[in-house]
Amino acid sequence: MDQPTVSIILVNHNAKEMTRNCIQSIYDQTKTTSFEIILVDNNSTDGTKQLIESKFPQVKLIENRQNKGFSYANNQAISSASGKYLLLLNNDTVVKNEAIEKMIEHMEESPNIGVLTCKIIEPDGKLQRNCRAFPVSPFDTFFGRASLISRIFPNNVFTRKNTMTNWDYNSVKRVDWVSGAVMLIRKKVIDNVGKLDDNYYIYWEDTDYCKRVNDAGWEIWFIPDGEIIHFSGKGGGTRSLKLKFLTLYHMHKSAYYYFLKHLYKNIFHPMAIITYVGMILLVINKGILEIIKHFNPDYPKRGSEQK
């Protein structure tokens, strides 16, 4: 088999139908670009293996007996990929408007670009802002897209800066970092910078990778051409209370690791210690809220009704 233009990498855990829809959309919307699909399955028990072998036998399937994290799984696929480009694509996405081919075309025309993404939309058609400015301190984590402050005060100056809300996503733009939900990477970049950092079990691996790519002199860009629908948070299957706790833990652990790696460099740095303690308190606080919401689904509604 000749070298494919792009290796498309998916990671799945108990999200069989989402993965099926994603793969089918790739075939439906990618007609003129040669590609291979590599699916890493993290110990699913929902029949994913049987579905892939039956419906998509050409997909390269890597089966893990345990879930070692998102970065680890992507790196497994990266190691076996043979494409000129590698597309990290969440399995809870649906490709529209020949998005992959349009991204490849732009990369071919711009050899200075190391990482590229395209427009991502929610299932209801709303824009999902998938580009960010690099965080310069842990303070910036309070102003992310899904943070409580950003939801209550979406137009505050810090959220607007971090999430680039002053931009309509209708123009080609160089950015700091892009979401790993849709991340097209030049193979030369991986040869230069390396793979994802396995220390990120989940979350922040995309921020870290773009930081390393940027520091190595490559550019990171967004193009508005093509669209990909993202069913956020559905790619890992249904989340139990235990899984929600683990997600909270890994999210904040990854944030701490990012700042330790790129900012403080030393675990005994005063700000590293403050950040560590702060992350623990945040996990405890959010964990308590998750317990309340789990046993009392009307909790947010009641709160709003009392105001």
C-alpha atoms as a PDB file:
ATOM      1  CA  MET A   1       0.000   0.000   0.000  1.00  0.00           C
ATOM      2  CA  ASP A   2       1.250   3.486  -0.900  1.00  0.00           C
ATOM      3  CA  GLN A   3       1.796   5.982   1.884  1.00  0.00           C
ATOM      4  CA  PRO A   4      -1.535   7.631   2.781  1.00  0.00           C
ATOM      5  CA  THR A   5      -1.697  11.390   2.821  1.00  0.00           C
ATOM      6  CA  VAL A   6      -3.168  11.412   6.313  1.00  0.00           C
ATOM      7  CA  SER A   7      -3.456   8.987   9.209  1.00  0.00           C
ATOM      8  CA  ILE A   8      -6.677   9.665  11.122  1.00  0.00           C
ATOM      9  CA  ILE A   9      -6.425   8.682  14.782  1.00  0.00           C
ATOM     10  CA  LEU A  10      -9.426   7.964  17.004  1.00  0.00           C
ATOM     11  CA  VAL A  11      -9.529   6.855  20.643  1.00  0.00           C
ATOM     12  CA  ASN A  12     -12.606   5.058  21.974  1.00  0.00           C
ATOM     13  CA  HIS A  13     -13.941   3.795  25.276  1.00  0.00           C
ATOM     14  CA  ASN A  14     -17.464   2.352  25.278  1.00  0.00           C
ATOM     15  CA  ALA A  15     -18.835   4.759  22.674  1.00  0.00           C
ATOM     16  CA  LYS A  16     -19.589   2.332  19.869  1.00  0.00           C
ATOM     17  CA  GLU A  17     -22.306   4.294  18.072  1.00  0.00           C
ATOM     18  CA  MET A  18     -20.453   7.595  18.288  1.00  0.00           C
ATOM     19  CA  THR A  19     -17.381   5.933  16.829  1.00  0.00           C
ATOM     20  CA  ARG A  20     -19.406   4.327  14.048  1.00  0.00           C
ATOM     21  CA  ASN A  21     -20.911   7.687  13.063  1.00  0.00           C
ATOM     22  CA  CYS A  22     -17.513   9.369  13.144  1.00  0.00           C
ATOM     23  CA  ILE A  23     -15.850   6.771  10.934  1.00  0.00           C
ATOM     24  CA  GLN A  24     -18.736   6.751   8.464  1.00  0.00           C
ATOM     25  CA  SER A  25     -18.551  10.543   8.164  1.00  0.00           C
ATOM     26  CA  ILE A  26     -14.837  10.308   7.380  1.00  0.00           C
ATOM     27  CA  TYR A  27     -15.529   7.986   4.453  1.00  0.00           C
ATOM     28  CA  ASP A  28     -18.485  10.086   3.289  1.00  0.00           C
ATOM     29  CA  GLN A  29     -16.586  13.386   3.357  1.00  0.00           C
ATOM     30  CA  THR A  30     -13.066  12.368   2.292  1.00  0.00           C
ATOM     31  CA  LYS A  31     -13.137  11.293  -1.344  1.00  0.00           C
ATOM     32  CA  THR A  32      -9.986  12.657  -2.998  1.00  0.00           C
ATOM     33  CA  THR A  33      -7.410  12.342  -0.210  1.00  0.00           C
ATOM     34  CA  SER A  34      -5.830   8.995   0.627  1.00  0.00           C
ATOM     35  CA  PHE A  35      -6.079   8.106   4.298  1.00  0.00           C
ATOM     36  CA  GLU A  36      -5.879   5.384   6.892  1.00  0.00           C
ATOM     37  CA  ILE A  37      -7.914   5.210  10.092  1.00  0.00           C
ATOM     38  CA  ILE A  38      -6.309   3.958  13.289  1.00  0.00           C
ATOM     39  CA  LEU A  39      -8.696   3.297  16.164  1.00  0.00           C
ATOM     40  CA  VAL A  40      -7.326   2.737  19.651  1.00  0.00           C
ATOM     41  CA  ASP A  41      -9.903   1.063  21.880  1.00  0.00           C
ATOM     42  CA  ASN A  42      -9.366   1.452  25.615  1.00  0.00           C
ATOM     43  CA  ASN A  43     -10.855  -1.778  26.948  1.00  0.00           C
ATOM     44  CA  SER A  44     -14.433  -1.231  25.746  1.00  0.00           C
ATOM     45  CA  THR A  45     -17.123  -3.726  26.706  1.00  0.00           C
ATOM     46  CA  ASP A  46     -19.899  -2.457  24.424  1.00  0.00           C
ATOM     47  CA  GLY A  47     -19.049  -4.487  21.324  1.00  0.00           C
ATOM     48  CA  THR A  48     -16.880  -1.868  19.633  1.00  0.00           C
ATOM     49  CA  LYS A  49     -14.401  -4.464  18.371  1.00  0.00           C
ATOM     50  CA  GLN A  50     -17.116  -6.567  16.746  1.00  0.00           C
ATOM     51  CA  LEU A  51     -18.683  -3.514  15.119  1.00  0.00           C
ATOM     52  CA  ILE A  52     -15.404  -2.290  13.633  1.00  0.00           C
ATOM     53  CA  GLU A  53     -14.412  -5.719  12.354  1.00  0.00           C
ATOM     54  CA  SER A  54     -17.836  -6.135  10.759  1.00  0.00           C
ATOM     55  CA  LYS A  55     -18.547  -2.675   9.343  1.00  0.00           C
ATOM     56  CA  PHE A  56     -15.063  -1.218   8.834  1.00  0.00           C
ATOM     57  CA  PRO A  57     -12.575  -4.080   8.395  1.00  0.00           C
ATOM     58  CA  GLN A  58     -10.068  -1.723   6.743  1.00  0.00           C
ATOM     59  CA  VAL A  59      -9.693   0.269   9.980  1.00  0.00           C
ATOM     60  CA  LYS A  60      -6.521  -0.536  11.892  1.00  0.00           C
ATOM     61  CA  LEU A  61      -7.666  -1.511  15.394  1.00  0.00           C
ATOM     62  CA  ILE A  62      -5.391  -1.327  18.427  1.00  0.00           C
ATOM     63  CA  GLU A  63      -6.907  -2.974  21.506  1.00  0.00           C
ATOM     64  CA  ASN A  64      -5.843  -2.094  25.031  1.00  0.00           C
ATOM     65  CA  ARG A  65      -6.705  -4.270  28.001  1.00  0.00           C
ATOM     66  CA  GLN A  66      -6.592  -1.252  30.271  1.00  0.00           C
ATOM     67  CA  ASN A  67      -7.204   2.452  29.856  1.00  0.00           C
ATOM     68  CA  LYS A  68      -3.866   4.225  30.224  1.00  0.00           C
ATOM     69  CA  GLY A  69      -5.197   7.584  29.171  1.00  0.00           C
ATOM     70  CA  PHE A  70      -5.909   9.688  26.112  1.00  0.00           C
ATOM     71  CA  SER A  71      -2.328  10.755  25.432  1.00  0.00           C
ATOM     72  CA  TYR A  72      -0.970   7.231  25.781  1.00  0.00           C
ATOM     73  CA  ALA A  73      -3.581   5.857  23.377  1.00  0.00           C
ATOM     74  CA  ASN A  74      -2.928   8.555  20.787  1.00  0.00           C
ATOM     75  CA  ASN A  75       0.792   7.886  21.019  1.00  0.00           C
ATOM     76  CA  GLN A  76       0.197   4.202  20.299  1.00  0.00           C
ATOM     77  CA  ALA A  77      -1.525   5.164  17.067  1.00  0.00           C
ATOM     78  CA  ILE A  78       1.071   7.808  16.217  1.00  0.00           C
ATOM     79  CA  SER A  79       3.775   5.138  16.471  1.00  0.00           C
ATOM     80  CA  SER A  80       2.032   2.985  13.875  1.00  0.00           C
ATOM     81  CA  ALA A  81       0.853   5.805  11.587  1.00  0.00           C
ATOM     82  CA  SER A  82       2.364   6.117   8.121  1.00  0.00           C
ATOM     83  CA  GLY A  83       0.711   9.287   6.801  1.00  0.00           C
ATOM     84  CA  LYS A  84       2.388  12.522   5.763  1.00  0.00           C
ATOM     85  CA  TYR A  85      -0.031  14.174   8.172  1.00  0.00           C
ATOM     86  CA  LEU A  86      -1.683  12.882  11.323  1.00  0.00           C
ATOM     87  CA  LEU A  87      -5.163  13.969  12.362  1.00  0.00           C
ATOM     88  CA  LEU A  88      -6.063  13.571  16.016  1.00  0.00           C
ATOM     89  CA  LEU A  89      -9.850  13.439  15.916  1.00  0.00           C
ATOM     90  CA  ASN A  90     -12.218  12.868  18.814  1.00  0.00           C
ATOM     91  CA  ASN A  91     -14.516   9.936  18.196  1.00  0.00           C
ATOM     92  CA  ASP A  92     -17.553  12.000  19.247  1.00  0.00           C
ATOM     93  CA  THR A  93     -17.320  14.080  16.079  1.00  0.00           C
ATOM     94  CA  VAL A  94     -18.937  14.052  12.646  1.00  0.00           C
ATOM     95  CA  VAL A  95     -17.006  15.393   9.652  1.00  0.00           C
ATOM     96  CA  LYS A  96     -18.888  17.790   7.363  1.00  0.00           C
ATOM     97  CA  ASN A  97     -18.150  19.765   4.187  1.00  0.00           C
ATOM     98  CA  GLU A  98     -14.987  17.863   3.233  1.00  0.00           C
ATOM     99  CA  ALA A  99     -13.266  19.340   6.281  1.00  0.00           C
ATOM    100  CA  ILE A 100     -10.303  16.960   6.292  1.00  0.00           C
ATOM    101  CA  GLU A 101      -9.493  17.554   2.635  1.00  0.00           C
ATOM    102  CA  LYS A 102      -9.679  21.329   3.102  1.00  0.00           C
ATOM    103  CA  MET A 103      -7.298  21.188   6.060  1.00  0.00           C
ATOM    104  CA  ILE A 104      -4.835  19.046   4.105  1.00  0.00           C
ATOM    105  CA  GLU A 105      -4.988  21.461   1.163  1.00  0.00           C
ATOM    106  CA  HIS A 106      -4.146  24.396   3.433  1.00  0.00           C
ATOM    107  CA  MET A 107      -1.238  22.530   5.036  1.00  0.00           C
ATOM    108  CA  GLU A 108       0.152  21.648   1.614  1.00  0.00           C
ATOM    109  CA  GLU A 109       0.189  25.334   0.688  1.00  0.00           C
ATOM    110  CA  SER A 110       1.833  26.469   3.948  1.00  0.00           C
ATOM    111  CA  PRO A 111       4.949  24.480   4.915  1.00  0.00           C
ATOM    112  CA  ASN A 112       5.518  26.685   7.966  1.00  0.00           C
ATOM    113  CA  ILE A 113       2.329  25.411   9.620  1.00  0.00           C
ATOM    114  CA  GLY A 114       2.885  22.574  12.067  1.00  0.00           C
ATOM    115  CA  VAL A 115      -0.611  22.223  13.522  1.00  0.00           C
ATOM    116  CA  LEU A 116      -3.950  23.158  11.978  1.00  0.00           C
ATOM    117  CA  THR A 117      -7.603  22.989  12.958  1.00  0.00           C
ATOM    118  CA  CYS A 118     -10.923  23.950  11.397  1.00  0.00           C
ATOM    119  CA  LYS A 119     -14.302  25.214  12.541  1.00  0.00           C
ATOM    120  CA  ILE A 120     -16.032  23.057  15.161  1.00  0.00           C
ATOM    121  CA  ILE A 121     -19.739  23.394  15.820  1.00  0.00           C
ATOM    122  CA  GLU A 122     -22.088  22.048  18.463  1.00  0.00           C
ATOM    123  CA  PRO A 123     -24.917  19.666  17.462  1.00  0.00           C
ATOM    124  CA  ASP A 124     -27.338  22.623  17.684  1.00  0.00           C
ATOM    125  CA  GLY A 125     -25.267  24.607  15.197  1.00  0.00           C
ATOM    126  CA  LYS A 126     -23.584  26.935  17.673  1.00  0.00           C
ATOM    127  CA  LEU A 127     -19.899  27.669  17.284  1.00  0.00           C
ATOM    128  CA  GLN A 128     -17.551  25.749  19.579  1.00  0.00           C
ATOM    129  CA  ARG A 129     -14.560  27.974  20.252  1.00  0.00           C
ATOM    130  CA  ASN A 130     -11.626  25.615  19.867  1.00  0.00           C
ATOM    131  CA  CYS A 131      -8.755  28.120  19.798  1.00  0.00           C
ATOM    132  CA  ARG A 132      -7.103  29.688  22.823  1.00  0.00           C
ATOM    133  CA  ALA A 133      -4.331  31.962  24.014  1.00  0.00           C
ATOM    134  CA  PHE A 134      -1.560  30.266  25.969  1.00  0.00           C
ATOM    135  CA  PRO A 135      -2.190  30.436  29.734  1.00  0.00           C
ATOM    136  CA  VAL A 136       0.475  32.485  31.472  1.00  0.00           C
ATOM    137  CA  SER A 137      -0.525  31.642  35.051  1.00  0.00           C
ATOM    138  CA  PRO A 138      -2.907  29.319  36.958  1.00  0.00           C
ATOM    139  CA  PHE A 139      -5.159  32.369  37.298  1.00  0.00           C
ATOM    140  CA  ASP A 140      -6.103  31.900  33.642  1.00  0.00           C
ATOM    141  CA  THR A 141      -7.758  28.538  34.405  1.00  0.00           C
ATOM    142  CA  PHE A 142     -10.599  30.390  36.128  1.00  0.00           C
ATOM    143  CA  PHE A 143     -11.535  31.921  32.787  1.00  0.00           C
ATOM    144  CA  GLY A 144     -11.763  28.912  30.477  1.00  0.00           C
ATOM    145  CA  ARG A 145     -14.684  28.192  28.142  1.00  0.00           C
ATOM    146  CA  ALA A 146     -16.547  26.009  30.656  1.00  0.00           C
ATOM    147  CA  SER A 147     -15.513  27.714  33.897  1.00  0.00           C
ATOM    148  CA  LEU A 148     -18.141  28.997  36.318  1.00  0.00           C
ATOM    149  CA  ILE A 149     -16.911  32.587  36.034  1.00  0.00           C
ATOM    150  CA  SER A 150     -17.035  32.462  32.235  1.00  0.00           C
ATOM    151  CA  ARG A 151     -20.558  31.083  32.293  1.00  0.00           C
ATOM    152  CA  ILE A 152     -21.785  33.776  34.691  1.00  0.00           C
ATOM    153  CA  PHE A 153     -19.752  36.649  33.224  1.00  0.00           C
ATOM    154  CA  PRO A 154     -18.976  35.549  29.635  1.00  0.00           C
ATOM    155  CA  ASN A 155     -17.838  39.001  28.506  1.00  0.00           C
ATOM    156  CA  ASN A 156     -15.254  39.670  31.195  1.00  0.00           C
ATOM    157  CA  VAL A 157     -11.882  40.797  29.861  1.00  0.00           C
ATOM    158  CA  PHE A 158      -9.974  37.695  31.000  1.00  0.00           C
ATOM    159  CA  THR A 159     -12.368  35.186  29.429  1.00  0.00           C
ATOM    160  CA  ARG A 160     -12.443  37.185  26.215  1.00  0.00           C
ATOM    161  CA  LYS A 161      -8.651  37.129  26.058  1.00  0.00           C
ATOM    162  CA  ASN A 162      -8.224  33.441  26.886  1.00  0.00           C
ATOM    163  CA  THR A 163     -11.038  32.127  24.691  1.00  0.00           C
ATOM    164  CA  MET A 164     -10.588  34.701  21.905  1.00  0.00           C
ATOM    165  CA  THR A 165     -14.260  35.708  21.962  1.00  0.00           C
ATOM    166  CA  ASN A 166     -13.467  38.971  20.145  1.00  0.00           C
ATOM    167  CA  TRP A 167     -12.989  36.919  16.968  1.00  0.00           C
ATOM    168  CA  ASP A 168     -15.846  35.432  14.928  1.00  0.00           C
ATOM    169  CA  TYR A 169     -13.956  32.370  13.580  1.00  0.00           C
ATOM    170  CA  ASN A 170     -14.779  33.345  10.009  1.00  0.00           C
ATOM    171  CA  SER A 171     -11.219  34.135   8.962  1.00  0.00           C
ATOM    172  CA  VAL A 172      -7.920  32.290   8.667  1.00  0.00           C
ATOM    173  CA  LYS A 173      -5.919  33.076  11.785  1.00  0.00           C
ATOM    174  CA  ARG A 174      -2.691  32.157  13.521  1.00  0.00           C
ATOM    175  CA  VAL A 175      -3.418  31.150  17.123  1.00  0.00           C
ATOM    176  CA  ASP A 176      -1.557  29.949  20.218  1.00  0.00           C
ATOM    177  CA  TRP A 177      -3.155  26.556  20.723  1.00  0.00           C
ATOM    178  CA  VAL A 178      -6.081  24.499  19.479  1.00  0.00           C
ATOM    179  CA  SER A 179      -8.294  21.844  20.991  1.00  0.00           C
ATOM    180  CA  GLY A 180      -7.195  18.241  20.572  1.00  0.00           C
ATOM    181  CA  ALA A 181     -10.714  17.407  19.405  1.00  0.00           C
ATOM    182  CA  VAL A 182      -9.542  18.245  15.875  1.00  0.00           C
ATOM    183  CA  MET A 183      -5.789  18.625  15.482  1.00  0.00           C
ATOM    184  CA  LEU A 184      -4.002  18.079  12.172  1.00  0.00           C
ATOM    185  CA  ILE A 185      -0.255  17.633  12.705  1.00  0.00           C
ATOM    186  CA  ARG A 186       2.492  17.534  10.118  1.00  0.00           C
ATOM    187  CA  LYS A 187       4.567  14.327  10.430  1.00  0.00           C
ATOM    188  CA  LYS A 188       7.750  16.419  10.308  1.00  0.00           C
ATOM    189  CA  VAL A 189       6.555  18.165  13.467  1.00  0.00           C
ATOM    190  CA  ILE A 190       6.235  14.869  15.310  1.00  0.00           C
ATOM    191  CA  ASP A 191       9.725  13.917  14.134  1.00  0.00           C
ATOM    192  CA  ASN A 192      10.949  17.276  15.446  1.00  0.00           C
ATOM    193  CA  VAL A 193       8.926  17.768  18.641  1.00  0.00           C
ATOM    194  CA  GLY A 194       7.959  14.231  19.577  1.00  0.00           C
ATOM    195  CA  LYS A 195       4.635  12.666  20.510  1.00  0.00           C
ATOM    196  CA  LEU A 196       2.134  13.744  23.150  1.00  0.00           C
ATOM    197  CA  ASP A 197       3.279  13.784  26.764  1.00  0.00           C
ATOM    198  CA  ASP A 198       1.992  10.609  28.446  1.00  0.00           C
ATOM    199  CA  ASN A 199       1.964  12.388  31.803  1.00  0.00           C
ATOM    200  CA  TYR A 200      -1.309  13.990  30.743  1.00  0.00           C
ATOM    201  CA  TYR A 201      -3.833  11.212  31.303  1.00  0.00           C
ATOM    202  CA  ILE A 202      -6.570  13.427  29.908  1.00  0.00           C
ATOM    203  CA  TYR A 203      -6.891  17.197  29.355  1.00  0.00           C
ATOM    204  CA  TRP A 204      -4.161  19.786  28.754  1.00  0.00           C
ATOM    205  CA  GLU A 205      -2.227  17.478  26.424  1.00  0.00           C
ATOM    206  CA  ASP A 206      -3.303  19.691  23.511  1.00  0.00           C
ATOM    207  CA  THR A 207      -2.177  22.894  25.252  1.00  0.00           C
ATOM    208  CA  ASP A 208       1.149  21.285  26.085  1.00  0.00           C
ATOM    209  CA  TYR A 209       1.697  19.962  22.576  1.00  0.00           C
ATOM    210  CA  CYS A 210       0.945  23.283  20.908  1.00  0.00           C
ATOM    211  CA  LYS A 211       3.279  25.015  23.364  1.00  0.00           C
ATOM    212  CA  ARG A 212       6.084  22.642  22.379  1.00  0.00           C
ATOM    213  CA  VAL A 213       5.287  23.064  18.676  1.00  0.00           C
ATOM    214  CA  ASN A 214       5.303  26.841  19.022  1.00  0.00           C
ATOM    215  CA  ASP A 215       8.555  26.815  21.003  1.00  0.00           C
ATOM    216  CA  ALA A 216      10.145  24.738  18.227  1.00  0.00           C
ATOM    217  CA  GLY A 217       9.368  27.477  15.700  1.00  0.00           C
ATOM    218  CA  TRP A 218       6.343  25.959  13.964  1.00  0.00           C
ATOM    219  CA  GLU A 219       3.084  27.862  13.477  1.00  0.00           C
ATOM    220  CA  ILE A 220      -0.429  26.898  14.602  1.00  0.00           C
ATOM    221  CA  TRP A 221      -3.379  28.009  12.491  1.00  0.00           C
ATOM    222  CA  PHE A 222      -7.164  27.909  12.213  1.00  0.00           C
ATOM    223  CA  ILE A 223      -9.151  27.845   8.980  1.00  0.00           C
ATOM    224  CA  PRO A 224     -12.916  28.442   8.744  1.00  0.00           C
ATOM    225  CA  ASP A 225     -13.315  26.129   5.749  1.00  0.00           C
ATOM    226  CA  GLY A 226     -15.009  22.851   6.486  1.00  0.00           C
ATOM    227  CA  GLU A 227     -16.917  22.008   9.625  1.00  0.00           C
ATOM    228  CA  ILE A 228     -16.802  19.252  12.182  1.00  0.00           C
ATOM    229  CA  ILE A 229     -19.659  18.635  14.613  1.00  0.00           C
ATOM    230  CA  HIS A 230     -18.496  17.835  18.134  1.00  0.00           C
ATOM    231  CA  PHE A 231     -20.753  16.087  20.625  1.00  0.00           C
ATOM    232  CA  SER A 232     -18.613  17.241  23.541  1.00  0.00           C
ATOM    233  CA  GLY A 233     -17.923  14.706  26.256  1.00  0.00           C
ATOM    234  CA  LYS A 234     -19.734  11.806  24.585  1.00  0.00           C
ATOM    235  CA  GLY A 235     -16.700   9.959  23.245  1.00  0.00           C
ATOM    236  CA  GLY A 236     -15.992   8.118  26.473  1.00  0.00           C
ATOM    237  CA  GLY A 237     -19.451   6.708  27.016  1.00  0.00           C
ATOM    238  CA  THR A 238     -21.795   7.314  29.954  1.00  0.00           C
ATOM    239  CA  ARG A 239     -20.097   8.841  32.984  1.00  0.00           C
ATOM    240  CA  SER A 240     -20.733   7.392  36.423  1.00  0.00           C
ATOM    241  CA  LEU A 241     -20.191   9.408  39.587  1.00  0.00           C
ATOM    242  CA  LYS A 242     -16.846   7.638  40.050  1.00  0.00           C
ATOM    243  CA  LEU A 243     -15.782   8.534  36.517  1.00  0.00           C
ATOM    244  CA  LYS A 244     -16.787  12.156  37.067  1.00  0.00           C
ATOM    245  CA  PHE A 245     -14.532  12.256  40.126  1.00  0.00           C
ATOM    246  CA  LEU A 246     -11.658  10.748  38.156  1.00  0.00           C
ATOM    247  CA  THR A 247     -12.220  13.279  35.383  1.00  0.00           C
ATOM    248  CA  LEU A 248     -12.086  16.148  37.876  1.00  0.00           C
ATOM    249  CA  TYR A 249      -8.938  14.730  39.411  1.00  0.00           C
ATOM    250  CA  HIS A 250      -7.111  14.269  36.124  1.00  0.00           C
ATOM    251  CA  MET A 251      -8.241  17.642  34.763  1.00  0.00           C
ATOM    252  CA  HIS A 252      -6.698  19.506  37.677  1.00  0.00           C
ATOM    253  CA  LYS A 253      -3.682  17.231  37.934  1.00  0.00           C
ATOM    254  CA  SER A 254      -2.936  17.920  34.271  1.00  0.00           C
ATOM    255  CA  ALA A 255      -3.313  21.664  34.790  1.00  0.00           C
ATOM    256  CA  TYR A 256      -0.858  21.556  37.682  1.00  0.00           C
ATOM    257  CA  TYR A 257       1.596  19.500  35.630  1.00  0.00           C
ATOM    258  CA  TYR A 258       1.386  21.970  32.731  1.00  0.00           C
ATOM    259  CA  PHE A 259       2.329  24.940  34.906  1.00  0.00           C
ATOM    260  CA  LEU A 260       5.008  22.960  36.702  1.00  0.00           C
ATOM    261  CA  LYS A 261       6.519  21.901  33.362  1.00  0.00           C
ATOM    262  CA  HIS A 262       6.344  25.189  31.478  1.00  0.00           C
ATOM    263  CA  LEU A 263       6.366  27.849  34.179  1.00  0.00           C
ATOM    264  CA  TYR A 264       7.714  26.847  37.587  1.00  0.00           C
ATOM    265  CA  LYS A 265      10.142  24.043  36.670  1.00  0.00           C
ATOM    266  CA  ASN A 266      10.486  23.058  40.351  1.00  0.00           C
ATOM    267  CA  ILE A 267       7.918  21.486  42.711  1.00  0.00           C
ATOM    268  CA  PHE A 268       9.335  23.575  45.576  1.00  0.00           C
ATOM    269  CA  HIS A 269       8.747  26.864  43.797  1.00  0.00           C
ATOM    270  CA  PRO A 270       6.386  28.893  46.068  1.00  0.00           C
ATOM    271  CA  MET A 271       3.833  29.375  43.287  1.00  0.00           C
ATOM    272  CA  ALA A 272       3.999  25.680  42.410  1.00  0.00           C
ATOM    273  CA  ILE A 273       3.056  24.841  45.997  1.00  0.00           C
ATOM    274  CA  ILE A 274       0.234  27.396  46.008  1.00  0.00           C
ATOM    275  CA  THR A 275      -1.035  26.052  42.684  1.00  0.00           C
ATOM    276  CA  TYR A 276      -0.944  22.478  43.987  1.00  0.00           C
ATOM    277  CA  VAL A 277      -2.943  23.357  47.102  1.00  0.00           C
ATOM    278  CA  GLY A 278      -5.380  25.412  45.054  1.00  0.00           C
ATOM    279  CA  MET A 279      -5.993  22.558  42.623  1.00  0.00           C
ATOM    280  CA  ILE A 280      -6.721  20.176  45.526  1.00  0.00           C
ATOM    281  CA  LEU A 281      -9.256  22.620  46.979  1.00  0.00           C
ATOM    282  CA  LEU A 282     -10.900  23.021  43.573  1.00  0.00           C
ATOM    283  CA  VAL A 283     -11.222  19.256  43.147  1.00  0.00           C
ATOM    284  CA  ILE A 284     -12.795  18.930  46.605  1.00  0.00           C
ATOM    285  CA  ASN A 285     -15.201  21.794  45.937  1.00  0.00           C
ATOM    286  CA  LYS A 286     -16.265  20.513  42.519  1.00  0.00           C
ATOM    287  CA  GLY A 287     -16.477  16.966  43.866  1.00  0.00           C
ATOM    288  CA  ILE A 288     -18.974  18.051  46.514  1.00  0.00           C
ATOM    289  CA  LEU A 289     -21.064  19.781  43.851  1.00  0.00           C
ATOM    290  CA  GLU A 290     -21.026  16.625  41.707  1.00  0.00           C
ATOM    291  CA  ILE A 291     -22.290  14.564  44.666  1.00  0.00           C
ATOM    292  CA  ILE A 292     -25.093  17.063  45.283  1.00  0.00           C
ATOM    293  CA  LYS A 293     -26.097  17.074  41.605  1.00  0.00           C
ATOM    294  CA  HIS A 294     -25.897  13.274  41.413  1.00  0.00           C
ATOM    295  CA  PHE A 295     -28.324  12.717  44.278  1.00  0.00           C
ATOM    296  CA  ASN A 296     -30.400  15.832  43.596  1.00  0.00           C
ATOM    297  CA  PRO A 297     -30.728  16.452  39.828  1.00  0.00           C
ATOM    298  CA  ASP A 298     -32.949  19.499  40.451  1.00  0.00           C
ATOM    299  CA  TYR A 299     -30.264  21.229  42.526  1.00  0.00           C
ATOM    300  CA  PRO A 300     -29.378  23.928  39.948  1.00  0.00           C
ATOM    301  CA  LYS A 301     -33.054  24.570  39.139  1.00  0.00           C
ATOM    302  CA  ARG A 302     -33.988  24.954  42.781  1.00  0.00           C
ATOM    303  CA  GLY A 303     -31.122  27.338  43.276  1.00  0.00           C
ATOM    304  CA  SER A 304     -32.314  29.542  40.433  1.00  0.00           C
ATOM    305  CA  GLU A 305     -35.928  29.402  41.612  1.00  0.00           C
ATOM    306  CA  GLN A 306     -34.968  30.683  45.049  1.00  0.00           C
ATOM    307  CA  LYS A 307     -33.328  33.793  43.654  1.00  0.00           C
END
